[in-house]
């Protein structure tokens, strides 16, 4: 089963990379861009056919390693393909 995990900074957490991206976009002429936030995207294959057990495993991965839950949120989608 494949998990597609998206990790983003929580609202209110300073995002210096997002600000740098926003500045670069403005320099390239994209003046209407505002409030850029950057994050991480991770794909994980798990050898689990039961969606509930796969979901529990992905939750543990995110909580223990993939996301810093103090400053980051995460969401994921499971795909049986």
PDB file of N, CA and C in Angstrom:
ATOM      1  N   UNK A   1       0.854  -1.162   0.000  1.00  0.00           N
ATOM      2  CA  UNK A   1       0.000   0.000   0.000  1.00  0.00           C
ATOM      3  C   UNK A   1       0.905   1.232   0.000  1.00  0.00           C
ATOM      4  N   UNK A   2       0.535   2.234  -0.774  1.00  0.00           N
ATOM      5  CA  UNK A   2       1.329   3.457  -0.859  1.00  0.00           C
ATOM      6  C   UNK A   2       0.660   4.566  -0.064  1.00  0.00           C
ATOM      7  N   UNK A   3       1.480   5.293   0.694  1.00  0.00           N
ATOM      8  CA  UNK A   3       1.008   6.466   1.439  1.00  0.00           C
ATOM      9  C   UNK A   3       1.661   7.701   0.837  1.00  0.00           C
ATOM     10  N   UNK A   4       0.852   8.723   0.610  1.00  0.00           N
ATOM     11  CA  UNK A   4       1.336  10.022   0.160  1.00  0.00           C
ATOM     12  C   UNK A   4       1.163  10.987   1.332  1.00  0.00           C
ATOM     13  N   UNK A   5       2.289  11.432   1.880  1.00  0.00           N
ATOM     14  CA  UNK A   5       2.278  12.229   3.105  1.00  0.00           C
ATOM     15  C   UNK A   5       2.679  13.668   2.782  1.00  0.00           C
ATOM     16  N   UNK A   6       1.894  14.616   3.261  1.00  0.00           N
ATOM     17  CA  UNK A   6       2.187  16.039   3.108  1.00  0.00           C
ATOM     18  C   UNK A   6       2.403  16.629   4.496  1.00  0.00           C
ATOM     19  N   UNK A   7       3.552  17.288   4.660  1.00  0.00           N
ATOM     20  CA  UNK A   7       3.898  17.888   5.942  1.00  0.00           C
ATOM     21  C   UNK A   7       4.048  19.390   5.738  1.00  0.00           C
ATOM     22  N   UNK A   8       3.350  20.173   6.557  1.00  0.00           N
ATOM     23  CA  UNK A   8       3.407  21.628   6.453  1.00  0.00           C
ATOM     24  C   UNK A   8       3.620  22.239   7.832  1.00  0.00           C
ATOM     25  N   UNK A   9       4.179  23.447   7.832  1.00  0.00           N
ATOM     26  CA  UNK A   9       4.344  24.160   9.095  1.00  0.00           C
ATOM     27  C   UNK A   9       2.979  24.604   9.610  1.00  0.00           C
ATOM     28  N   UNK A  10       2.830  24.583  10.918  1.00  0.00           N
ATOM     29  CA  UNK A  10       1.586  25.043  11.520  1.00  0.00           C
ATOM     30  C   UNK A  10       1.441  26.547  11.298  1.00  0.00           C
ATOM     31  N   UNK A  11       0.204  27.041  11.247  1.00  0.00           N
ATOM     32  CA  UNK A  11      -0.003  28.491  11.112  1.00  0.00           C
ATOM     33  C   UNK A  11       0.706  29.230  12.252  1.00  0.00           C
ATOM     34  N   UNK A  12       1.311  30.343  11.924  1.00  0.00           N
ATOM     35  CA  UNK A  12       2.000  31.144  12.926  1.00  0.00           C
ATOM     36  C   UNK A  12       3.466  30.795  13.118  1.00  0.00           C
ATOM     37  N   UNK A  13       3.912  29.654  12.573  1.00  0.00           N
ATOM     38  CA  UNK A  13       5.318  29.273  12.677  1.00  0.00           C
ATOM     39  C   UNK A  13       6.083  29.985  11.566  1.00  0.00           C
ATOM     40  N   UNK A  14       7.175  30.655  11.925  1.00  0.00           N
ATOM     41  CA  UNK A  14       7.996  31.371  10.959  1.00  0.00           C
ATOM     42  C   UNK A  14       8.492  30.416   9.877  1.00  0.00           C
ATOM     43  N   UNK A  15       8.393  30.837   8.609  1.00  0.00           N
ATOM     44  CA  UNK A  15       8.793  30.013   7.471  1.00  0.00           C
ATOM     45  C   UNK A  15       9.805  30.781   6.620  1.00  0.00           C
ATOM     46  N   UNK A  16      11.091  30.763   7.000  1.00  0.00           N
ATOM     47  CA  UNK A  16      12.080  31.521   6.246  1.00  0.00           C
ATOM     48  C   UNK A  16      12.239  31.043   4.802  1.00  0.00           C
ATOM     49  N   UNK A  17      12.097  29.742   4.560  1.00  0.00           N
ATOM     50  CA  UNK A  17      12.186  29.251   3.183  1.00  0.00           C
ATOM     51  C   UNK A  17      11.010  29.766   2.357  1.00  0.00           C
ATOM     52  N   UNK A  18       9.841  29.795   2.939  1.00  0.00           N
ATOM     53  CA  UNK A  18       8.679  30.334   2.238  1.00  0.00           C
ATOM     54  C   UNK A  18       8.888  31.798   1.884  1.00  0.00           C
ATOM     55  N   UNK A  19       9.456  32.578   2.821  1.00  0.00           N
ATOM     56  CA  UNK A  19       9.744  33.993   2.559  1.00  0.00           C
ATOM     57  C   UNK A  19      10.773  34.144   1.446  1.00  0.00           C
ATOM     58  N   UNK A  20      11.806  33.285   1.435  1.00  0.00           N
ATOM     59  CA  UNK A  20      12.824  33.340   0.387  1.00  0.00           C
ATOM     60  C   UNK A  20      12.212  33.023  -0.978  1.00  0.00           C
ATOM     61  N   UNK A  21      11.343  32.020  -1.026  1.00  0.00           N
ATOM     62  CA  UNK A  21      10.658  31.670  -2.270  1.00  0.00           C
ATOM     63  C   UNK A  21       9.788  32.829  -2.734  1.00  0.00           C
ATOM     64  N   UNK A  22       9.059  33.428  -1.799  1.00  0.00           N
ATOM     65  CA  UNK A  22       8.202  34.566  -2.124  1.00  0.00           C
ATOM     66  C   UNK A  22       9.031  35.722  -2.697  1.00  0.00           C
ATOM     67  N   UNK A  23      10.176  36.016  -2.073  1.00  0.00           N
ATOM     68  CA  UNK A  23      11.045  37.079  -2.567  1.00  0.00           C
ATOM     69  C   UNK A  23      11.565  36.787  -3.960  1.00  0.00           C
ATOM     70  N   UNK A  24      11.944  35.532  -4.205  1.00  0.00           N
ATOM     71  CA  UNK A  24      12.443  35.149  -5.527  1.00  0.00           C
ATOM     72  C   UNK A  24      11.334  35.255  -6.577  1.00  0.00           C
ATOM     73  N   UNK A  25      10.127  34.872  -6.221  1.00  0.00           N
ATOM     74  CA  UNK A  25       9.008  34.991  -7.156  1.00  0.00           C
ATOM     75  C   UNK A  25       8.731  36.453  -7.487  1.00  0.00           C
ATOM     76  N   UNK A  26       8.803  37.325  -6.484  1.00  0.00           N
ATOM     77  CA  UNK A  26       8.612  38.756  -6.724  1.00  0.00           C
ATOM     78  C   UNK A  26       9.701  39.277  -7.660  1.00  0.00           C
ATOM     79  N   UNK A  27      10.958  38.830  -7.440  1.00  0.00           N
ATOM     80  CA  UNK A  27      12.072  39.255  -8.292  1.00  0.00           C
ATOM     81  C   UNK A  27      11.886  38.795  -9.732  1.00  0.00           C
ATOM     82  N   UNK A  28      11.182  37.702  -9.922  1.00  0.00           N
ATOM     83  CA  UNK A  28      10.920  37.185 -11.272  1.00  0.00           C
ATOM     84  C   UNK A  28       9.684  37.816 -11.907  1.00  0.00           C
ATOM     85  N   UNK A  29       9.068  38.750 -11.208  1.00  0.00           N
ATOM     86  CA  UNK A  29       7.927  39.458 -11.770  1.00  0.00           C
ATOM     87  C   UNK A  29       6.572  38.946 -11.343  1.00  0.00           C
ATOM     88  N   UNK A  30       6.532  38.009 -10.414  1.00  0.00           N
ATOM     89  CA  UNK A  30       5.254  37.482  -9.923  1.00  0.00           C
ATOM     90  C   UNK A  30       4.837  38.282  -8.692  1.00  0.00           C
ATOM     91  N   UNK A  31       4.480  39.533  -8.899  1.00  0.00           N
ATOM     92  CA  UNK A  31       4.181  40.452  -7.812  1.00  0.00           C
ATOM     93  C   UNK A  31       2.908  40.162  -7.055  1.00  0.00           C
ATOM     94  N   UNK A  32       2.017  39.385  -7.622  1.00  0.00           N
ATOM     95  CA  UNK A  32       0.750  39.110  -6.938  1.00  0.00           C
ATOM     96  C   UNK A  32       0.863  37.981  -5.915  1.00  0.00           C
ATOM     97  N   UNK A  33       2.034  37.336  -5.831  1.00  0.00           N
ATOM     98  CA  UNK A  33       2.231  36.229  -4.899  1.00  0.00           C
ATOM     99  C   UNK A  33       2.359  36.773  -3.480  1.00  0.00           C
ATOM    100  N   UNK A  34       1.682  36.117  -2.538  1.00  0.00           N
ATOM    101  CA  UNK A  34       1.745  36.551  -1.144  1.00  0.00           C
ATOM    102  C   UNK A  34       1.547  35.346  -0.232  1.00  0.00           C
ATOM    103  N   UNK A  35       2.227  35.336   0.883  1.00  0.00           N
ATOM    104  CA  UNK A  35       2.011  34.297   1.891  1.00  0.00           C
ATOM    105  C   UNK A  35       2.488  32.921   1.481  1.00  0.00           C
ATOM    106  N   UNK A  36       3.670  32.806   0.894  1.00  0.00           N
ATOM    107  CA  UNK A  36       4.193  31.505   0.462  1.00  0.00           C
ATOM    108  C   UNK A  36       4.622  30.705   1.684  1.00  0.00           C
ATOM    109  N   UNK A  37       4.201  29.455   1.738  1.00  0.00           N
ATOM    110  CA  UNK A  37       4.606  28.511   2.772  1.00  0.00           C
ATOM    111  C   UNK A  37       5.130  27.268   2.054  1.00  0.00           C
ATOM    112  N   UNK A  38       6.210  26.713   2.533  1.00  0.00           N
ATOM    113  CA  UNK A  38       6.754  25.513   1.918  1.00  0.00           C
ATOM    114  C   UNK A  38       6.589  24.338   2.866  1.00  0.00           C
ATOM    115  N   UNK A  39       6.646  23.134   2.318  1.00  0.00           N
ATOM    116  CA  UNK A  39       6.482  21.935   3.124  1.00  0.00           C
ATOM    117  C   UNK A  39       7.240  20.771   2.525  1.00  0.00           C
ATOM    118  N   UNK A  40       6.878  19.568   2.948  1.00  0.00           N
ATOM    119  CA  UNK A  40       7.525  18.349   2.472  1.00  0.00           C
ATOM    120  C   UNK A  40       6.455  17.386   1.939  1.00  0.00           C
ATOM    121  N   UNK A  41       6.853  16.617   0.946  1.00  0.00           N
ATOM    122  CA  UNK A  41       5.989  15.573   0.389  1.00  0.00           C
ATOM    123  C   UNK A  41       6.787  14.278   0.402  1.00  0.00           C
ATOM    124  N   UNK A  42       6.221  13.230   0.983  1.00  0.00           N
ATOM    125  CA  UNK A  42       6.917  11.950   1.117  1.00  0.00           C
ATOM    126  C   UNK A  42       5.990  10.839   0.648  1.00  0.00           C
ATOM    127  N   UNK A  43       6.521   9.914  -0.149  1.00  0.00           N
ATOM    128  CA  UNK A  43       5.781   8.702  -0.525  1.00  0.00           C
ATOM    129  C   UNK A  43       6.429   7.519   0.165  1.00  0.00           C
ATOM    130  N   UNK A  44       5.601   6.668   0.768  1.00  0.00           N
ATOM    131  CA  UNK A  44       6.073   5.501   1.502  1.00  0.00           C
ATOM    132  C   UNK A  44       5.260   4.289   1.059  1.00  0.00           C
ATOM    133  N   UNK A  45       5.943   3.214   0.751  1.00  0.00           N
ATOM    134  CA  UNK A  45       5.288   1.928   0.463  1.00  0.00           C
ATOM    135  C   UNK A  45       5.323   1.095   1.738  1.00  0.00           C
ATOM    136  N   UNK A  46       4.170   0.597   2.157  1.00  0.00           N
ATOM    137  CA  UNK A  46       4.112  -0.296   3.310  1.00  0.00           C
ATOM    138  C   UNK A  46       3.535  -1.641   2.873  1.00  0.00           C
ATOM    139  N   UNK A  47       4.110  -2.703   3.389  1.00  0.00           N
ATOM    140  CA  UNK A  47       3.670  -4.053   3.046  1.00  0.00           C
ATOM    141  C   UNK A  47       2.507  -4.438   3.953  1.00  0.00           C
ATOM    142  N   UNK A  48       1.404  -3.753   3.779  1.00  0.00           N
ATOM    143  CA  UNK A  48       0.215  -3.973   4.599  1.00  0.00           C
ATOM    144  C   UNK A  48      -1.014  -3.845   3.701  1.00  0.00           C
ATOM    145  N   UNK A  49      -1.885  -4.838   3.714  1.00  0.00           N
ATOM    146  CA  UNK A  49      -3.073  -4.794   2.854  1.00  0.00           C
ATOM    147  C   UNK A  49      -4.306  -4.248   3.576  1.00  0.00           C
ATOM    148  N   UNK A  50      -4.287  -4.259   4.894  1.00  0.00           N
ATOM    149  CA  UNK A  50      -5.420  -3.754   5.673  1.00  0.00           C
ATOM    150  C   UNK A  50      -5.290  -2.236   5.835  1.00  0.00           C
ATOM    151  N   UNK A  51      -6.243  -1.459   5.294  1.00  0.00           N
ATOM    152  CA  UNK A  51      -6.128   0.003   5.373  1.00  0.00           C
ATOM    153  C   UNK A  51      -6.034   0.544   6.803  1.00  0.00           C
ATOM    154  N   UNK A  52      -6.744  -0.048   7.741  1.00  0.00           N
ATOM    155  CA  UNK A  52      -6.698   0.434   9.127  1.00  0.00           C
ATOM    156  C   UNK A  52      -5.312   0.220   9.730  1.00  0.00           C
ATOM    157  N   UNK A  53      -4.725  -0.930   9.475  1.00  0.00           N
ATOM    158  CA  UNK A  53      -3.383  -1.203  10.006  1.00  0.00           C
ATOM    159  C   UNK A  53      -2.338  -0.361   9.296  1.00  0.00           C
ATOM    160  N   UNK A  54      -2.488  -0.159   7.990  1.00  0.00           N
ATOM    161  CA  UNK A  54      -1.560   0.695   7.250  1.00  0.00           C
ATOM    162  C   UNK A  54      -1.646   2.126   7.765  1.00  0.00           C
ATOM    163  N   UNK A  55      -2.854   2.595   8.000  1.00  0.00           N
ATOM    164  CA  UNK A  55      -3.062   3.946   8.512  1.00  0.00           C
ATOM    165  C   UNK A  55      -2.396   4.116   9.878  1.00  0.00           C
ATOM    166  N   UNK A  56      -2.563   3.141  10.748  1.00  0.00           N
ATOM    167  CA  UNK A  56      -1.944   3.195  12.073  1.00  0.00           C
ATOM    168  C   UNK A  56      -0.426   3.235  11.967  1.00  0.00           C
ATOM    169  N   UNK A  57       0.121   2.476  11.037  1.00  0.00           N
ATOM    170  CA  UNK A  57       1.572   2.451  10.840  1.00  0.00           C
ATOM    171  C   UNK A  57       2.078   3.804  10.321  1.00  0.00           C
ATOM    172  N   UNK A  58       1.369   4.376   9.368  1.00  0.00           N
ATOM    173  CA  UNK A  58       1.751   5.677   8.825  1.00  0.00           C
ATOM    174  C   UNK A  58       1.662   6.748   9.920  1.00  0.00           C
ATOM    175  N   UNK A  59       0.616   6.696  10.737  1.00  0.00           N
ATOM    176  CA  UNK A  59       0.479   7.636  11.850  1.00  0.00           C
ATOM    177  C   UNK A  59       1.706   7.562  12.767  1.00  0.00           C
ATOM    178  N   UNK A  60       2.112   6.340  13.109  1.00  0.00           N
ATOM    179  CA  UNK A  60       3.283   6.176  13.984  1.00  0.00           C
ATOM    180  C   UNK A  60       4.536   6.732  13.324  1.00  0.00           C
ATOM    181  N   UNK A  61       4.707   6.494  12.019  1.00  0.00           N
ATOM    182  CA  UNK A  61       5.877   7.026  11.300  1.00  0.00           C
ATOM    183  C   UNK A  61       5.914   8.549  11.369  1.00  0.00           C
ATOM    184  N   UNK A  62       4.761   9.160  11.126  1.00  0.00           N
ATOM    185  CA  UNK A  62       4.686  10.626  11.141  1.00  0.00           C
ATOM    186  C   UNK A  62       4.957  11.171  12.535  1.00  0.00           C
ATOM    187  N   UNK A  63       4.364  10.554  13.537  1.00  0.00           N
ATOM    188  CA  UNK A  63       4.508  11.033  14.918  1.00  0.00           C
ATOM    189  C   UNK A  63       5.928  10.842  15.452  1.00  0.00           C
ATOM    190  N   UNK A  64       6.588   9.752  15.047  1.00  0.00           N
ATOM    191  CA  UNK A  64       7.890   9.420  15.625  1.00  0.00           C
ATOM    192  C   UNK A  64       9.074   9.959  14.830  1.00  0.00           C
ATOM    193  N   UNK A  65       8.911  10.194  13.517  1.00  0.00           N
ATOM    194  CA  UNK A  65      10.070  10.584  12.725  1.00  0.00           C
ATOM    195  C   UNK A  65       9.796  11.638  11.652  1.00  0.00           C
ATOM    196  N   UNK A  66       8.789  11.429  10.845  1.00  0.00           N
ATOM    197  CA  UNK A  66       8.632  12.236   9.635  1.00  0.00           C
ATOM    198  C   UNK A  66       8.224  13.674   9.893  1.00  0.00           C
ATOM    199  N   UNK A  67       7.425  13.921  10.908  1.00  0.00           N
ATOM    200  CA  UNK A  67       6.951  15.277  11.193  1.00  0.00           C
ATOM    201  C   UNK A  67       7.351  15.684  12.613  1.00  0.00           C
ATOM    202  N   UNK A  68       7.713  16.941  12.754  1.00  0.00           N
ATOM    203  CA  UNK A  68       7.932  17.511  14.085  1.00  0.00           C
ATOM    204  C   UNK A  68       6.583  18.084  14.505  1.00  0.00           C
ATOM    205  N   UNK A  69       5.822  17.318  15.250  1.00  0.00           N
ATOM    206  CA  UNK A  69       4.427  17.679  15.528  1.00  0.00           C
ATOM    207  C   UNK A  69       4.280  18.911  16.422  1.00  0.00           C
ATOM    208  N   UNK A  70       5.369  19.420  16.960  1.00  0.00           N
ATOM    209  CA  UNK A  70       5.302  20.663  17.727  1.00  0.00           C
ATOM    210  C   UNK A  70       5.076  21.837  16.777  1.00  0.00           C
ATOM    211  N   UNK A  71       5.728  21.807  15.602  1.00  0.00           N
ATOM    212  CA  UNK A  71       5.631  22.932  14.668  1.00  0.00           C
ATOM    213  C   UNK A  71       5.038  22.558  13.307  1.00  0.00           C
ATOM    214  N   UNK A  72       4.780  21.259  13.090  1.00  0.00           N
ATOM    215  CA  UNK A  72       4.295  20.817  11.780  1.00  0.00           C
ATOM    216  C   UNK A  72       2.991  20.034  11.892  1.00  0.00           C
ATOM    217  N   UNK A  73       2.166  20.161  10.859  1.00  0.00           N
ATOM    218  CA  UNK A  73       0.983  19.325  10.672  1.00  0.00           C
ATOM    219  C   UNK A  73       1.292  18.328   9.574  1.00  0.00           C
ATOM    220  N   UNK A  74       0.589  17.221   9.579  1.00  0.00           N
ATOM    221  CA  UNK A  74       0.733  16.259   8.491  1.00  0.00           C
ATOM    222  C   UNK A  74      -0.633  15.711   8.099  1.00  0.00           C
ATOM    223  N   UNK A  75      -0.696  15.311   6.845  1.00  0.00           N
ATOM    224  CA  UNK A  75      -1.888  14.646   6.311  1.00  0.00           C
ATOM    225  C   UNK A  75      -1.389  13.589   5.340  1.00  0.00           C
ATOM    226  N   UNK A  76      -2.190  12.547   5.140  1.00  0.00           N
ATOM    227  CA  UNK A  76      -1.769  11.505   4.209  1.00  0.00           C
ATOM    228  C   UNK A  76      -2.960  10.876   3.527  1.00  0.00           C
ATOM    229  N   UNK A  77      -2.676  10.259   2.390  1.00  0.00           N
ATOM    230  CA  UNK A  77      -3.659   9.496   1.639  1.00  0.00           C
ATOM    231  C   UNK A  77      -3.084   8.108   1.420  1.00  0.00           C
ATOM    232  N   UNK A  78      -3.912   7.110   1.530  1.00  0.00           N
ATOM    233  CA  UNK A  78      -3.495   5.737   1.257  1.00  0.00           C
ATOM    234  C   UNK A  78      -4.042   5.291  -0.086  1.00  0.00           C
ATOM    235  N   UNK A  79      -3.223   4.566  -0.828  1.00  0.00           N
ATOM    236  CA  UNK A  79      -3.599   4.062  -2.140  1.00  0.00           C
ATOM    237  C   UNK A  79      -3.217   2.586  -2.189  1.00  0.00           C
ATOM    238  N   UNK A  80      -4.177   1.728  -2.445  1.00  0.00           N
ATOM    239  CA  UNK A  80      -3.930   0.283  -2.443  1.00  0.00           C
ATOM    240  C   UNK A  80      -3.111  -0.169  -3.647  1.00  0.00           C
ATOM    241  N   UNK A  81      -2.870   0.689  -4.612  1.00  0.00           N
ATOM    242  CA  UNK A  81      -2.126   0.289  -5.822  1.00  0.00           C
ATOM    243  C   UNK A  81      -0.678   0.040  -5.536  1.00  0.00           C
TER     244      UNK A  81
END
